[in-house]
Structures are given as structure tokens and as C-alpha cells.
Amino acid sequence: MQNQLDLSSAEDKKKPRKLEMRLPTTGPDNVSFSAPFLDNTLQKMLSLQNRMLKSTADLAKTEGVDEKVIREQAAQSAELSRIIALICAEKARQGA
């Protein structure tokens, strides 16, 4: 009985979207990414940034934490923001 449930739930699952990078041979500046790849990457980056911002806020509330640690955490989150902006720009460039 359990095996039947496992099989039916496996059949109900959607096929994963194709995540790919396309590296044409025409030149190093012509790299493109599939829309699902960009969407998936952006989703993961935004989730990571949200976790980082929460961690930074928690660190700031905690007594005894070195100010340098809090600033470094905030700087890493800001760097991630710049990477997210690059991904959004690539999506816009490709019209995704």
C-alpha cells in the first residue's frame, strides 16, 4: 500500500525546469542564461539576503558583539544586493 502511494506521488510531481547556461563560441561576452536559471538563482539569492538581513538585525540587538562583525555582516549583505541587481539587469537584457 505504501509503495502505491509513493509511486502515485512521484508521478504527480512536475518535471523540473531546465536550468542552463549557454556558452556560444562567438565570444566571451555572449554568455546567456535560461530564464528558469535566472529565476531560480534570483529566488535563492533573495532568500539568502533575507536571512542575512535578519542575522544582522539579531547581531545588532545582541550585547557584546563586536561592531566590526556587525559592519562586516552588513557589508556582505550589501554585496549580495549588488549581485542581485546584476541578475535583474541580465533578466531585463534578455527580456525575461
PDB file of N, CA and C in Angstrom:
ATOM      1  N   MET A   1       0.827  -1.195   0.000  1.00  0.00           N
ATOM      2  CA  MET A   1       0.000   0.000   0.000  1.00  0.00           C
ATOM      3  C   MET A   1       0.867   1.252   0.000  1.00  0.00           C
ATOM      4  N   GLN A   2       1.898   1.270   0.857  1.00  0.00           N
ATOM      5  CA  GLN A   2       2.790   2.436   0.930  1.00  0.00           C
ATOM      6  C   GLN A   2       3.502   2.662  -0.402  1.00  0.00           C
ATOM      7  N   ASN A   3       3.918   1.569  -1.058  1.00  0.00           N
ATOM      8  CA  ASN A   3       4.597   1.701  -2.346  1.00  0.00           C
ATOM      9  C   ASN A   3       3.688   2.324  -3.392  1.00  0.00           C
ATOM     10  N   GLN A   4       2.400   1.989  -3.360  1.00  0.00           N
ATOM     11  CA  GLN A   4       1.465   2.570  -4.311  1.00  0.00           C
ATOM     12  C   GLN A   4       1.352   4.078  -4.104  1.00  0.00           C
ATOM     13  N   LEU A   5       1.339   4.515  -2.854  1.00  0.00           N
ATOM     14  CA  LEU A   5       1.270   5.941  -2.566  1.00  0.00           C
ATOM     15  C   LEU A   5       2.521   6.650  -3.042  1.00  0.00           C
ATOM     16  N   ASP A   6       3.676   6.016  -2.826  1.00  0.00           N
ATOM     17  CA  ASP A   6       4.933   6.617  -3.247  1.00  0.00           C
ATOM     18  C   ASP A   6       4.984   6.772  -4.755  1.00  0.00           C
ATOM     19  N   LEU A   7       4.517   5.769  -5.487  1.00  0.00           N
ATOM     20  CA  LEU A   7       4.542   5.827  -6.944  1.00  0.00           C
ATOM     21  C   LEU A   7       3.600   6.893  -7.471  1.00  0.00           C
ATOM     22  N   SER A   8       2.411   6.983  -6.916  1.00  0.00           N
ATOM     23  CA  SER A   8       1.459   7.968  -7.424  1.00  0.00           C
ATOM     24  C   SER A   8       1.924   9.388  -7.118  1.00  0.00           C
ATOM     25  N   SER A   9       2.549   9.608  -5.964  1.00  0.00           N
ATOM     26  CA  SER A   9       3.028  10.956  -5.655  1.00  0.00           C
ATOM     27  C   SER A   9       4.211  11.324  -6.539  1.00  0.00           C
ATOM     28  N   ALA A  10       5.023  10.341  -6.901  1.00  0.00           N
ATOM     29  CA  ALA A  10       6.151  10.606  -7.796  1.00  0.00           C
ATOM     30  C   ALA A  10       5.657  10.971  -9.190  1.00  0.00           C
ATOM     31  N   GLU A  11       4.570  10.337  -9.625  1.00  0.00           N
ATOM     32  CA  GLU A  11       4.022  10.630 -10.948  1.00  0.00           C
ATOM     33  C   GLU A  11       3.356  11.997 -10.987  1.00  0.00           C
ATOM     34  N   ASP A  12       2.808  12.437  -9.837  1.00  0.00           N
ATOM     35  CA  ASP A  12       2.125  13.722  -9.767  1.00  0.00           C
ATOM     36  C   ASP A  12       3.088  14.903  -9.805  1.00  0.00           C
ATOM     37  N   LYS A  13       4.342  14.681  -9.479  1.00  0.00           N
ATOM     38  CA  LYS A  13       5.309  15.768  -9.432  1.00  0.00           C
ATOM     39  C   LYS A  13       5.598  16.281 -10.834  1.00  0.00           C
ATOM     40  N   LYS A  14       5.818  17.582 -10.907  1.00  0.00           N
ATOM     41  CA  LYS A  14       6.155  18.202 -12.190  1.00  0.00           C
ATOM     42  C   LYS A  14       7.609  17.900 -12.529  1.00  0.00           C
ATOM     43  N   LYS A  15       7.903  17.862 -13.811  1.00  0.00           N
ATOM     44  CA  LYS A  15       9.289  17.732 -14.244  1.00  0.00           C
ATOM     45  C   LYS A  15      10.008  19.028 -13.916  1.00  0.00           C
ATOM     46  N   PRO A  16      11.258  18.948 -13.490  1.00  0.00           N
ATOM     47  CA  PRO A  16      11.987  20.191 -13.191  1.00  0.00           C
ATOM     48  C   PRO A  16      12.234  20.995 -14.463  1.00  0.00           C
ATOM     49  N   ARG A  17      12.242  22.313 -14.287  1.00  0.00           N
ATOM     50  CA  ARG A  17      12.532  23.172 -15.431  1.00  0.00           C
ATOM     51  C   ARG A  17      14.005  23.032 -15.792  1.00  0.00           C
ATOM     52  N   LYS A  18      14.305  23.257 -17.035  1.00  0.00           N
ATOM     53  CA  LYS A  18      15.689  23.143 -17.498  1.00  0.00           C
ATOM     54  C   LYS A  18      16.449  24.395 -17.083  1.00  0.00           C
ATOM     55  N   LEU A  19      17.462  24.202 -16.257  1.00  0.00           N
ATOM     56  CA  LEU A  19      18.305  25.304 -15.808  1.00  0.00           C
ATOM     57  C   LEU A  19      19.624  25.189 -16.559  1.00  0.00           C
ATOM     58  N   GLU A  20      19.936  26.196 -17.346  1.00  0.00           N
ATOM     59  CA  GLU A  20      21.149  26.078 -18.144  1.00  0.00           C
ATOM     60  C   GLU A  20      21.796  27.430 -18.403  1.00  0.00           C
ATOM     61  N   MET A  21      23.091  27.343 -18.672  1.00  0.00           N
ATOM     62  CA  MET A  21      23.852  28.480 -19.167  1.00  0.00           C
ATOM     63  C   MET A  21      24.209  28.132 -20.605  1.00  0.00           C
ATOM     64  N   ARG A  22      24.153  29.113 -21.464  1.00  0.00           N
ATOM     65  CA  ARG A  22      24.518  28.886 -22.863  1.00  0.00           C
ATOM     66  C   ARG A  22      25.821  29.624 -23.141  1.00  0.00           C
ATOM     67  N   LEU A  23      26.817  28.878 -23.559  1.00  0.00           N
ATOM     68  CA  LEU A  23      28.131  29.456 -23.818  1.00  0.00           C
ATOM     69  C   LEU A  23      28.444  29.349 -25.309  1.00  0.00           C
ATOM     70  N   PRO A  24      28.050  30.333 -26.092  1.00  0.00           N
ATOM     71  CA  PRO A  24      28.330  30.275 -27.530  1.00  0.00           C
ATOM     72  C   PRO A  24      29.822  30.443 -27.799  1.00  0.00           C
ATOM     73  N   THR A  25      30.232  29.971 -28.927  1.00  0.00           N
ATOM     74  CA  THR A  25      31.652  30.036 -29.282  1.00  0.00           C
ATOM     75  C   THR A  25      32.038  31.347 -29.939  1.00  0.00           C
ATOM     76  N   THR A  26      31.099  32.280 -30.086  1.00  0.00           N
ATOM     77  CA  THR A  26      31.383  33.528 -30.791  1.00  0.00           C
ATOM     78  C   THR A  26      32.199  34.507 -29.964  1.00  0.00           C
ATOM     79  N   GLY A  27      32.194  34.398 -28.670  1.00  0.00           N
ATOM     80  CA  GLY A  27      32.980  35.317 -27.855  1.00  0.00           C
ATOM     81  C   GLY A  27      32.615  35.223 -26.392  1.00  0.00           C
ATOM     82  N   PRO A  28      33.488  35.698 -25.532  1.00  0.00           N
ATOM     83  CA  PRO A  28      33.253  35.574 -24.087  1.00  0.00           C
ATOM     84  C   PRO A  28      32.138  36.476 -23.559  1.00  0.00           C
ATOM     85  N   ASP A  29      31.753  37.503 -24.320  1.00  0.00           N
ATOM     86  CA  ASP A  29      30.722  38.427 -23.849  1.00  0.00           C
ATOM     87  C   ASP A  29      29.312  37.990 -24.225  1.00  0.00           C
ATOM     88  N   ASN A  30      29.179  36.893 -24.926  1.00  0.00           N
ATOM     89  CA  ASN A  30      27.872  36.460 -25.410  1.00  0.00           C
ATOM     90  C   ASN A  30      27.277  35.321 -24.589  1.00  0.00           C
ATOM     91  N   VAL A  31      27.617  35.237 -23.326  1.00  0.00           N
ATOM     92  CA  VAL A  31      27.059  34.207 -22.457  1.00  0.00           C
ATOM     93  C   VAL A  31      25.619  34.580 -22.152  1.00  0.00           C
ATOM     94  N   SER A  32      24.724  33.597 -22.206  1.00  0.00           N
ATOM     95  CA  SER A  32      23.332  33.854 -21.836  1.00  0.00           C
ATOM     96  C   SER A  32      22.858  32.753 -20.900  1.00  0.00           C
ATOM     97  N   PHE A  33      21.799  33.053 -20.185  1.00  0.00           N
ATOM     98  CA  PHE A  33      21.256  32.128 -19.207  1.00  0.00           C
ATOM     99  C   PHE A  33      19.784  31.921 -19.506  1.00  0.00           C
ATOM    100  N   SER A  34      19.313  30.719 -19.278  1.00  0.00           N
ATOM    101  CA  SER A  34      17.891  30.465 -19.494  1.00  0.00           C
ATOM    102  C   SER A  34      17.087  31.230 -18.447  1.00  0.00           C
ATOM    103  N   ALA A  35      15.865  31.603 -18.797  1.00  0.00           N
ATOM    104  CA  ALA A  35      15.001  32.327 -17.858  1.00  0.00           C
ATOM    105  C   ALA A  35      14.781  31.532 -16.571  1.00  0.00           C
ATOM    106  N   PRO A  36      14.548  30.204 -16.639  1.00  0.00           N
ATOM    107  CA  PRO A  36      14.399  29.455 -15.389  1.00  0.00           C
ATOM    108  C   PRO A  36      15.654  29.494 -14.524  1.00  0.00           C
ATOM    109  N   PHE A  37      16.835  29.486 -15.172  1.00  0.00           N
ATOM    110  CA  PHE A  37      18.085  29.564 -14.409  1.00  0.00           C
ATOM    111  C   PHE A  37      18.160  30.891 -13.658  1.00  0.00           C
ATOM    112  N   LEU A  38      17.850  31.972 -14.357  1.00  0.00           N
ATOM    113  CA  LEU A  38      17.890  33.292 -13.722  1.00  0.00           C
ATOM    114  C   LEU A  38      16.849  33.405 -12.611  1.00  0.00           C
ATOM    115  N   ASP A  39      15.646  32.890 -12.856  1.00  0.00           N
ATOM    116  CA  ASP A  39      14.586  32.940 -11.843  1.00  0.00           C
ATOM    117  C   ASP A  39      14.987  32.163 -10.597  1.00  0.00           C
ATOM    118  N   ASN A  40      15.511  30.973 -10.799  1.00  0.00           N
ATOM    119  CA  ASN A  40      15.921  30.122  -9.688  1.00  0.00           C
ATOM    120  C   ASN A  40      17.054  30.769  -8.894  1.00  0.00           C
ATOM    121  N   THR A  41      18.034  31.296  -9.599  1.00  0.00           N
ATOM    122  CA  THR A  41      19.167  31.947  -8.944  1.00  0.00           C
ATOM    123  C   THR A  41      18.709  33.177  -8.171  1.00  0.00           C
ATOM    124  N   LEU A  42      17.854  33.968  -8.779  1.00  0.00           N
ATOM    125  CA  LEU A  42      17.345  35.173  -8.118  1.00  0.00           C
ATOM    126  C   LEU A  42      16.558  34.813  -6.862  1.00  0.00           C
ATOM    127  N   GLN A  43      15.732  33.805  -6.948  1.00  0.00           N
ATOM    128  CA  GLN A  43      14.944  33.370  -5.796  1.00  0.00           C
ATOM    129  C   GLN A  43      15.856  32.945  -4.643  1.00  0.00           C
ATOM    130  N   LYS A  44      16.885  32.184  -4.948  1.00  0.00           N
ATOM    131  CA  LYS A  44      17.817  31.726  -3.909  1.00  0.00           C
ATOM    132  C   LYS A  44      18.603  32.895  -3.313  1.00  0.00           C
ATOM    133  N   MET A  45      19.012  33.830  -4.154  1.00  0.00           N
ATOM    134  CA  MET A  45      19.756  34.992  -3.670  1.00  0.00           C
ATOM    135  C   MET A  45      18.894  35.878  -2.765  1.00  0.00           C
ATOM    136  N   LEU A  46      17.646  36.083  -3.154  1.00  0.00           N
ATOM    137  CA  LEU A  46      16.754  36.895  -2.332  1.00  0.00           C
ATOM    138  C   LEU A  46      16.482  36.230  -0.986  1.00  0.00           C
ATOM    139  N   SER A  47      16.335  34.924  -1.000  1.00  0.00           N
ATOM    140  CA  SER A  47      16.136  34.184   0.248  1.00  0.00           C
ATOM    141  C   SER A  47      17.371  34.314   1.146  1.00  0.00           C
ATOM    142  N   LEU A  48      18.545  34.170   0.537  1.00  0.00           N
ATOM    143  CA  LEU A  48      19.789  34.315   1.291  1.00  0.00           C
ATOM    144  C   LEU A  48      19.925  35.720   1.856  1.00  0.00           C
ATOM    145  N   GLN A  49      19.610  36.721   1.049  1.00  0.00           N
ATOM    146  CA  GLN A  49      19.716  38.102   1.529  1.00  0.00           C
ATOM    147  C   GLN A  49      18.765  38.355   2.698  1.00  0.00           C
ATOM    148  N   ASN A  50      17.568  37.820   2.627  1.00  0.00           N
ATOM    149  CA  ASN A  50      16.616  37.974   3.711  1.00  0.00           C
ATOM    150  C   ASN A  50      17.168  37.361   4.998  1.00  0.00           C
ATOM    151  N   ARG A  51      17.745  36.169   4.892  1.00  0.00           N
ATOM    152  CA  ARG A  51      18.357  35.528   6.069  1.00  0.00           C
ATOM    153  C   ARG A  51      19.511  36.360   6.608  1.00  0.00           C
ATOM    154  N   MET A  52      20.320  36.905   5.714  1.00  0.00           N
ATOM    155  CA  MET A  52      21.459  37.715   6.146  1.00  0.00           C
ATOM    156  C   MET A  52      21.001  38.985   6.860  1.00  0.00           C
ATOM    157  N   LEU A  53      19.965  39.638   6.336  1.00  0.00           N
ATOM    158  CA  LEU A  53      19.462  40.855   6.966  1.00  0.00           C
ATOM    159  C   LEU A  53      18.895  40.559   8.356  1.00  0.00           C
ATOM    160  N   LYS A  54      18.212  39.429   8.483  1.00  0.00           N
ATOM    161  CA  LYS A  54      17.691  39.031   9.795  1.00  0.00           C
ATOM    162  C   LYS A  54      18.846  38.756  10.763  1.00  0.00           C
ATOM    163  N   SER A  55      19.875  38.088  10.291  1.00  0.00           N
ATOM    164  CA  SER A  55      21.040  37.803  11.137  1.00  0.00           C
ATOM    165  C   SER A  55      21.723  39.087  11.587  1.00  0.00           C
ATOM    166  N   THR A  56      21.855  40.023  10.662  1.00  0.00           N
ATOM    167  CA  THR A  56      22.479  41.306  11.006  1.00  0.00           C
ATOM    168  C   THR A  56      21.660  42.032  12.061  1.00  0.00           C
ATOM    169  N   ALA A  57      20.350  42.017  11.908  1.00  0.00           N
ATOM    170  CA  ALA A  57      19.479  42.671  12.899  1.00  0.00           C
ATOM    171  C   ALA A  57      19.597  41.979  14.259  1.00  0.00           C
ATOM    172  N   ASP A  58      19.658  40.660  14.252  1.00  0.00           N
ATOM    173  CA  ASP A  58      19.810  39.922  15.511  1.00  0.00           C
ATOM    174  C   ASP A  58      21.157  40.210  16.161  1.00  0.00           C
ATOM    175  N   LEU A  59      22.207  40.282  15.345  1.00  0.00           N
ATOM    176  CA  LEU A  59      23.528  40.606  15.889  1.00  0.00           C
ATOM    177  C   LEU A  59      23.547  42.001  16.505  1.00  0.00           C
ATOM    178  N   ALA A  60      22.904  42.939  15.844  1.00  0.00           N
ATOM    179  CA  ALA A  60      22.890  44.320  16.336  1.00  0.00           C
ATOM    180  C   ALA A  60      22.170  44.416  17.684  1.00  0.00           C
ATOM    181  N   LYS A  61      21.176  43.546  17.899  1.00  0.00           N
ATOM    182  CA  LYS A  61      20.439  43.558  19.157  1.00  0.00           C
ATOM    183  C   LYS A  61      21.185  42.861  20.293  1.00  0.00           C
ATOM    184  N   THR A  62      22.113  41.995  19.937  1.00  0.00           N
ATOM    185  CA  THR A  62      22.836  41.208  20.929  1.00  0.00           C
ATOM    186  C   THR A  62      23.958  42.029  21.552  1.00  0.00           C
ATOM    187  N   GLU A  63      24.016  41.980  22.867  1.00  0.00           N
ATOM    188  CA  GLU A  63      25.078  42.704  23.570  1.00  0.00           C
ATOM    189  C   GLU A  63      26.383  41.927  23.476  1.00  0.00           C
ATOM    190  N   GLY A  64      27.467  42.649  23.445  1.00  0.00           N
ATOM    191  CA  GLY A  64      28.786  42.032  23.449  1.00  0.00           C
ATOM    192  C   GLY A  64      29.305  41.627  22.084  1.00  0.00           C
ATOM    193  N   VAL A  65      28.566  41.933  21.031  1.00  0.00           N
ATOM    194  CA  VAL A  65      29.025  41.606  19.685  1.00  0.00           C
ATOM    195  C   VAL A  65      29.874  42.769  19.173  1.00  0.00           C
ATOM    196  N   ASP A  66      31.048  42.423  18.677  1.00  0.00           N
ATOM    197  CA  ASP A  66      31.965  43.438  18.159  1.00  0.00           C
ATOM    198  C   ASP A  66      31.312  44.186  16.997  1.00  0.00           C
ATOM    199  N   GLU A  67      31.439  45.486  16.993  1.00  0.00           N
ATOM    200  CA  GLU A  67      30.854  46.330  15.951  1.00  0.00           C
ATOM    201  C   GLU A  67      31.406  45.970  14.570  1.00  0.00           C
ATOM    202  N   LYS A  68      32.661  45.525  14.513  1.00  0.00           N
ATOM    203  CA  LYS A  68      33.265  45.135  13.239  1.00  0.00           C
ATOM    204  C   LYS A  68      32.521  43.947  12.618  1.00  0.00           C
ATOM    205  N   VAL A  69      32.076  43.032  13.445  1.00  0.00           N
ATOM    206  CA  VAL A  69      31.343  41.854  12.959  1.00  0.00           C
ATOM    207  C   VAL A  69      30.018  42.293  12.346  1.00  0.00           C
ATOM    208  N   ILE A  70      29.328  43.197  13.013  1.00  0.00           N
ATOM    209  CA  ILE A  70      28.047  43.691  12.516  1.00  0.00           C
ATOM    210  C   ILE A  70      28.240  44.436  11.197  1.00  0.00           C
ATOM    211  N   ARG A  71      29.286  45.270  11.134  1.00  0.00           N
ATOM    212  CA  ARG A  71      29.551  46.013   9.893  1.00  0.00           C
ATOM    213  C   ARG A  71      29.917  45.073   8.746  1.00  0.00           C
ATOM    214  N   GLU A  72      30.699  44.040   9.035  1.00  0.00           N
ATOM    215  CA  GLU A  72      31.084  43.075   8.004  1.00  0.00           C
ATOM    216  C   GLU A  72      29.852  42.319   7.491  1.00  0.00           C
ATOM    217  N   GLN A  73      28.978  41.934   8.401  1.00  0.00           N
ATOM    218  CA  GLN A  73      27.745  41.246   8.004  1.00  0.00           C
ATOM    219  C   GLN A  73      26.900  42.150   7.101  1.00  0.00           C
ATOM    220  N   ALA A  74      26.790  43.411   7.455  1.00  0.00           N
ATOM    221  CA  ALA A  74      26.026  44.362   6.649  1.00  0.00           C
ATOM    222  C   ALA A  74      26.696  44.576   5.290  1.00  0.00           C
ATOM    223  N   ALA A  75      28.016  44.616   5.264  1.00  0.00           N
ATOM    224  CA  ALA A  75      28.742  44.792   4.000  1.00  0.00           C
ATOM    225  C   ALA A  75      28.529  43.589   3.077  1.00  0.00           C
ATOM    226  N   GLN A  76      28.498  42.391   3.641  1.00  0.00           N
ATOM    227  CA  GLN A  76      28.258  41.196   2.829  1.00  0.00           C
ATOM    228  C   GLN A  76      26.841  41.219   2.251  1.00  0.00           C
ATOM    229  N   SER A  77      25.895  41.666   3.032  1.00  0.00           N
ATOM    230  CA  SER A  77      24.520  41.774   2.546  1.00  0.00           C
ATOM    231  C   SER A  77      24.425  42.810   1.425  1.00  0.00           C
ATOM    232  N   ALA A  78      25.160  43.906   1.566  1.00  0.00           N
ATOM    233  CA  ALA A  78      25.170  44.937   0.517  1.00  0.00           C
ATOM    234  C   ALA A  78      25.800  44.396  -0.765  1.00  0.00           C
ATOM    235  N   GLU A  79      26.841  43.591  -0.636  1.00  0.00           N
ATOM    236  CA  GLU A  79      27.475  42.985  -1.812  1.00  0.00           C
ATOM    237  C   GLU A  79      26.499  42.034  -2.504  1.00  0.00           C
ATOM    238  N   LEU A  80      25.748  41.305  -1.710  1.00  0.00           N
ATOM    239  CA  LEU A  80      24.743  40.412  -2.273  1.00  0.00           C
ATOM    240  C   LEU A  80      23.678  41.214  -3.021  1.00  0.00           C
ATOM    241  N   SER A  81      23.338  42.378  -2.510  1.00  0.00           N
ATOM    242  CA  SER A  81      22.381  43.259  -3.199  1.00  0.00           C
ATOM    243  C   SER A  81      22.894  43.642  -4.582  1.00  0.00           C
ATOM    244  N   ARG A  82      24.183  43.910  -4.686  1.00  0.00           N
ATOM    245  CA  ARG A  82      24.762  44.262  -5.984  1.00  0.00           C
ATOM    246  C   ARG A  82      24.706  43.072  -6.949  1.00  0.00           C
ATOM    247  N   ILE A  83      24.924  41.869  -6.428  1.00  0.00           N
ATOM    248  CA  ILE A  83      24.837  40.674  -7.271  1.00  0.00           C
ATOM    249  C   ILE A  83      23.397  40.467  -7.742  1.00  0.00           C
ATOM    250  N   ILE A  84      22.443  40.678  -6.841  1.00  0.00           N
ATOM    251  CA  ILE A  84      21.030  40.559  -7.201  1.00  0.00           C
ATOM    252  C   ILE A  84      20.679  41.572  -8.293  1.00  0.00           C
ATOM    253  N   ALA A  85      21.214  42.783  -8.179  1.00  0.00           N
ATOM    254  CA  ALA A  85      20.969  43.809  -9.203  1.00  0.00           C
ATOM    255  C   ALA A  85      21.535  43.370 -10.554  1.00  0.00           C
ATOM    256  N   LEU A  86      22.681  42.709 -10.559  1.00  0.00           N
ATOM    257  CA  LEU A  86      23.254  42.207 -11.812  1.00  0.00           C
ATOM    258  C   LEU A  86      22.365  41.136 -12.435  1.00  0.00           C
ATOM    259  N   ILE A  87      21.817  40.273 -11.602  1.00  0.00           N
ATOM    260  CA  ILE A  87      20.917  39.229 -12.109  1.00  0.00           C
ATOM    261  C   ILE A  87      19.665  39.871 -12.709  1.00  0.00           C
ATOM    262  N   CYS A  88      19.125  40.867 -12.021  1.00  0.00           N
ATOM    263  CA  CYS A  88      17.931  41.568 -12.547  1.00  0.00           C
ATOM    264  C   CYS A  88      18.253  42.265 -13.864  1.00  0.00           C
ATOM    265  N   ALA A  89      19.437  42.858 -13.947  1.00  0.00           N
ATOM    266  CA  ALA A  89      19.841  43.516 -15.197  1.00  0.00           C
ATOM    267  C   ALA A  89      19.969  42.509 -16.331  1.00  0.00           C
ATOM    268  N   GLU A  90      20.484  41.333 -16.032  1.00  0.00           N
ATOM    269  CA  GLU A  90      20.608  40.297 -17.058  1.00  0.00           C
ATOM    270  C   GLU A  90      19.223  39.825 -17.512  1.00  0.00           C
ATOM    271  N   LYS A  91      18.302  39.681 -16.559  1.00  0.00           N
ATOM    272  CA  LYS A  91      16.927  39.313 -16.930  1.00  0.00           C
ATOM    273  C   LYS A  91      16.320  40.368 -17.842  1.00  0.00           C
ATOM    274  N   ALA A  92      16.525  41.630 -17.525  1.00  0.00           N
ATOM    275  CA  ALA A  92      15.989  42.717 -18.342  1.00  0.00           C
ATOM    276  C   ALA A  92      16.639  42.731 -19.720  1.00  0.00           C
ATOM    277  N   ARG A  93      17.941  42.498 -19.760  1.00  0.00           N
ATOM    278  CA  ARG A  93      18.660  42.486 -21.026  1.00  0.00           C
ATOM    279  C   ARG A  93      18.133  41.397 -21.946  1.00  0.00           C
ATOM    280  N   GLN A  94      17.813  40.257 -21.363  1.00  0.00           N
ATOM    281  CA  GLN A  94      17.325  39.137 -22.161  1.00  0.00           C
ATOM    282  C   GLN A  94      15.819  39.215 -22.397  1.00  0.00           C
ATOM    283  N   GLY A  95      15.176  40.176 -21.750  1.00  0.00           N
ATOM    284  CA  GLY A  95      13.732  40.299 -21.903  1.00  0.00           C
ATOM    285  C   GLY A  95      12.967  39.204 -21.202  1.00  0.00           C
ATOM    286  N   ALA A  96      13.583  38.633 -20.151  1.00  0.00           N
ATOM    287  CA  ALA A  96      12.939  37.508 -19.430  1.00  0.00           C
ATOM    288  C   ALA A  96      11.888  38.019 -18.468  1.00  0.00           C
TER     289      ALA A  96
END
